[in-house]
Amino acid sequence: MLGALVLAVLAVGLDSTILSIAIPTLAGVLHASETDLQWFSAGYLLMLATAMLPTGLFGDRFGRKKVLLSSLLLFGAGSAICAYAPTPAIFIVARCLLGLAGAGIIVMALSAVTVLFAEQERPRAVAIWGAVNFLSLPLGPILGGWLLSHAWWGWVFLLNVPIALSCW
């Protein structure tokens, strides 16, 4: 369970930066305007930031496991939609869906620390959670660049699908 949560948190962090290297490719493939390109990143980060507090409330009300599993399902679906989006508008909606789901994953993963670890082990668990988030930031552009050089551009997003499914 812990390994799955670490992978899910890593995927959310990667997704926040992996797009930066794919912007030129997406501009051409989706015929996106400059405004569209701004919303590709901003939509994700805006939803991620604004959904964190409400997601914690939903986890308290409806159960952390339900919210986490729902978030993982949405994250996988949003990633697949991004990969196959035919228009910039659909891509933006999918990125917003990813941000919403990412908020659920991050908040529920951190809240699981209180359940999965004894009080003495929690500082170490939170440190690992923070380290995974920290490492995902530089890994996103590196992995994105490698994928764009060696595979179809959609794999930049489809790599999240097996991670989401394995955690489910």
Protein backbone atom coordinates (compact mmCIF):
# COMPACT_ATOMS: atom_id res chain seq x y z
CA MET A 1 0.00 0.00 0.00
CA LEU A 2 2.74 2.44 0.93
CA GLY A 3 4.65 1.76 -2.28
CA ALA A 4 1.52 2.42 -4.30
CA LEU A 5 0.95 5.72 -2.50
CA VAL A 6 4.55 6.76 -3.14
CA LEU A 7 4.13 5.98 -6.85
CA ALA A 8 0.87 7.92 -7.02
CA VAL A 9 2.41 10.97 -5.33
CA LEU A 10 5.37 10.71 -7.70
CA ALA A 11 3.01 10.65 -10.71
CA VAL A 12 1.20 13.79 -9.51
CA GLY A 13 4.48 15.61 -9.03
CA LEU A 14 5.80 14.49 -12.41
CA ASP A 15 2.62 15.65 -14.09
CA SER A 16 3.06 19.16 -12.75
CA THR A 17 6.39 19.57 -14.58
CA ILE A 18 6.45 17.03 -17.40
CA LEU A 19 4.22 19.22 -19.53
CA SER A 20 6.82 22.00 -19.73
CA ILE A 21 8.96 20.02 -22.14
CA ALA A 22 5.96 18.86 -24.22
CA ILE A 23 4.53 22.34 -24.89
CA PRO A 24 6.19 22.81 -28.31
CA THR A 25 4.98 19.39 -29.46
CA LEU A 26 1.46 20.00 -28.17
CA ALA A 27 1.33 23.41 -29.86
CA GLY A 28 1.88 21.74 -33.21
CA VAL A 29 -0.17 18.59 -32.73
CA LEU A 30 -3.22 20.29 -31.21
CA HIS A 31 -2.85 23.57 -33.15
CA ALA A 32 -2.99 25.35 -29.81
CA SER A 33 -2.88 29.11 -29.39
CA GLU A 34 -0.63 30.82 -26.87
CA THR A 35 -3.61 31.19 -24.55
CA ASP A 36 -4.33 27.47 -24.85
CA LEU A 37 -0.72 26.66 -24.02
CA GLN A 38 -0.91 28.80 -20.88
CA TRP A 39 -4.06 27.02 -19.77
CA PHE A 40 -2.46 23.60 -20.32
CA SER A 41 -0.23 24.28 -17.29
CA ALA A 42 -2.34 26.79 -15.38
CA GLY A 43 -5.52 24.67 -15.41
CA TYR A 44 -3.74 21.74 -13.79
CA LEU A 45 -1.99 23.80 -11.12
CA LEU A 46 -5.06 25.92 -10.41
CA MET A 47 -7.25 22.89 -9.82
CA LEU A 48 -4.53 21.17 -7.81
CA ALA A 49 -4.18 24.13 -5.46
CA THR A 50 -7.86 24.98 -5.07
CA ALA A 51 -9.05 21.41 -4.55
CA MET A 52 -6.73 20.48 -1.68
CA LEU A 53 -8.83 21.83 1.20
CA PRO A 54 -12.19 20.56 -0.09
CA THR A 55 -10.64 17.17 -0.83
CA GLY A 56 -9.55 16.86 2.79
CA LEU A 57 -13.11 17.63 3.86
CA PHE A 58 -14.50 15.00 1.46
CA GLY A 59 -12.02 12.48 2.84
CA ASP A 60 -13.21 13.18 6.38
CA ARG A 61 -16.86 12.99 5.38
CA PHE A 62 -16.96 10.12 2.90
CA GLY A 63 -13.86 8.15 3.81
CA ARG A 64 -10.25 8.57 2.83
CA LYS A 65 -10.08 5.32 0.94
CA LYS A 66 -13.09 6.20 -1.24
CA VAL A 67 -11.69 9.62 -2.05
CA LEU A 68 -8.23 8.20 -2.79
CA LEU A 69 -9.59 5.47 -5.08
CA SER A 70 -11.86 7.96 -6.85
CA SER A 71 -8.93 10.32 -7.30
CA LEU A 72 -6.77 7.54 -8.73
CA LEU A 73 -9.52 6.61 -11.18
CA LEU A 74 -9.92 10.25 -12.26
CA PHE A 75 -6.15 10.65 -12.56
CA GLY A 76 -5.87 7.67 -14.88
CA ALA A 77 -8.88 8.77 -16.95
CA GLY A 78 -7.64 12.35 -17.20
CA SER A 79 -4.23 11.14 -18.33
CA ALA A 80 -5.76 8.98 -21.06
CA ILE A 81 -7.95 11.87 -22.22
CA CYS A 82 -4.88 14.12 -22.40
CA ALA A 83 -3.05 11.59 -24.55
CA TYR A 84 -5.89 11.30 -27.05
CA ALA A 85 -7.32 14.83 -26.88
CA PRO A 86 -8.27 16.01 -30.39
CA THR A 87 -8.59 19.70 -29.48
CA PRO A 88 -6.98 22.15 -27.08
CA ALA A 89 -10.30 22.60 -25.22
CA ILE A 90 -10.58 18.89 -24.45
CA PHE A 91 -6.93 18.85 -23.41
CA ILE A 92 -7.51 21.76 -21.01
CA VAL A 93 -10.54 20.05 -19.45
CA ALA A 94 -8.51 16.86 -19.04
CA ARG A 95 -5.64 18.78 -17.41
CA CYS A 96 -8.11 20.36 -14.98
CA LEU A 97 -9.45 16.89 -14.19
CA LEU A 98 -5.87 15.76 -13.55
CA GLY A 99 -5.33 18.65 -11.15
CA LEU A 100 -8.51 17.83 -9.25
CA ALA A 101 -7.52 14.18 -9.01
CA GLY A 102 -3.95 15.08 -8.07
CA ALA A 103 -5.20 17.09 -5.12
CA GLY A 104 -7.12 14.07 -3.89
CA ILE A 105 -4.09 11.83 -4.24
CA ILE A 106 -1.73 14.19 -2.43
CA VAL A 107 -4.08 15.00 0.44
CA MET A 108 -5.28 11.44 0.96
CA ALA A 109 -1.74 10.04 0.76
CA LEU A 110 -0.61 12.45 3.44
CA SER A 111 -3.66 11.75 5.59
CA ALA A 112 -2.95 8.02 5.29
CA VAL A 113 0.33 8.61 7.10
CA THR A 114 -1.61 9.19 10.35
CA VAL A 115 -3.32 5.81 9.95
CA LEU A 116 -0.48 3.70 8.59
CA PHE A 117 2.33 4.82 10.88
CA ALA A 118 2.83 4.99 14.62
CA GLU A 119 3.51 8.41 16.09
CA GLN A 120 7.26 7.78 16.26
CA GLU A 121 7.42 6.73 12.57
CA ARG A 122 5.34 9.62 11.17
CA PRO A 123 8.17 12.18 10.82
CA ARG A 124 10.11 9.71 8.68
CA ALA A 125 7.02 8.91 6.58
CA VAL A 126 6.30 12.62 6.01
CA ALA A 127 9.96 13.12 5.08
CA ILE A 128 9.69 10.36 2.47
CA TRP A 129 6.48 11.95 1.14
CA GLY A 130 8.26 15.30 0.88
CA ALA A 131 11.32 13.76 -0.76
CA VAL A 132 9.17 12.06 -3.41
CA ASN A 133 7.47 15.39 -4.16
CA PHE A 134 10.86 17.14 -4.30
CA LEU A 135 12.40 14.53 -6.62
CA SER A 136 9.43 14.55 -8.98
CA LEU A 137 10.01 18.20 -9.93
CA PRO A 138 13.30 17.73 -11.82
CA LEU A 139 12.38 14.24 -13.02
CA GLY A 140 9.32 15.50 -14.95
CA PRO A 141 11.20 17.43 -17.64
CA ILE A 142 13.91 14.75 -17.86
CA LEU A 143 11.42 11.92 -18.33
CA GLY A 144 9.25 14.05 -20.63
CA GLY A 145 12.23 14.89 -22.83
CA TRP A 146 13.25 11.25 -23.04
CA LEU A 147 9.72 10.13 -23.92
CA LEU A 148 9.31 12.84 -26.56
CA SER A 149 12.62 11.82 -28.12
CA HIS A 150 11.93 8.09 -28.14
CA ALA A 151 8.16 7.58 -28.29
CA TRP A 152 4.81 9.07 -29.29
CA TRP A 153 4.00 12.32 -27.42
CA GLY A 154 0.91 10.77 -25.78
CA TRP A 155 3.11 8.56 -23.62
CA VAL A 156 4.00 11.65 -21.61
CA PHE A 157 0.48 11.33 -20.19
CA LEU A 158 -0.23 7.61 -20.61
CA LEU A 159 2.60 6.73 -18.22
CA ASN A 160 0.19 7.76 -15.43
CA VAL A 161 -2.43 5.17 -16.37
CA PRO A 162 -0.55 2.04 -15.21
CA ILE A 163 0.53 3.85 -12.05
CA ALA A 164 -3.08 4.80 -11.25
CA LEU A 165 -4.30 1.27 -12.00
CA SER A 166 -1.57 -0.39 -9.95
CA CYS A 167 -2.53 1.74 -6.95
CA TRP A 168 -6.20 0.96 -7.37
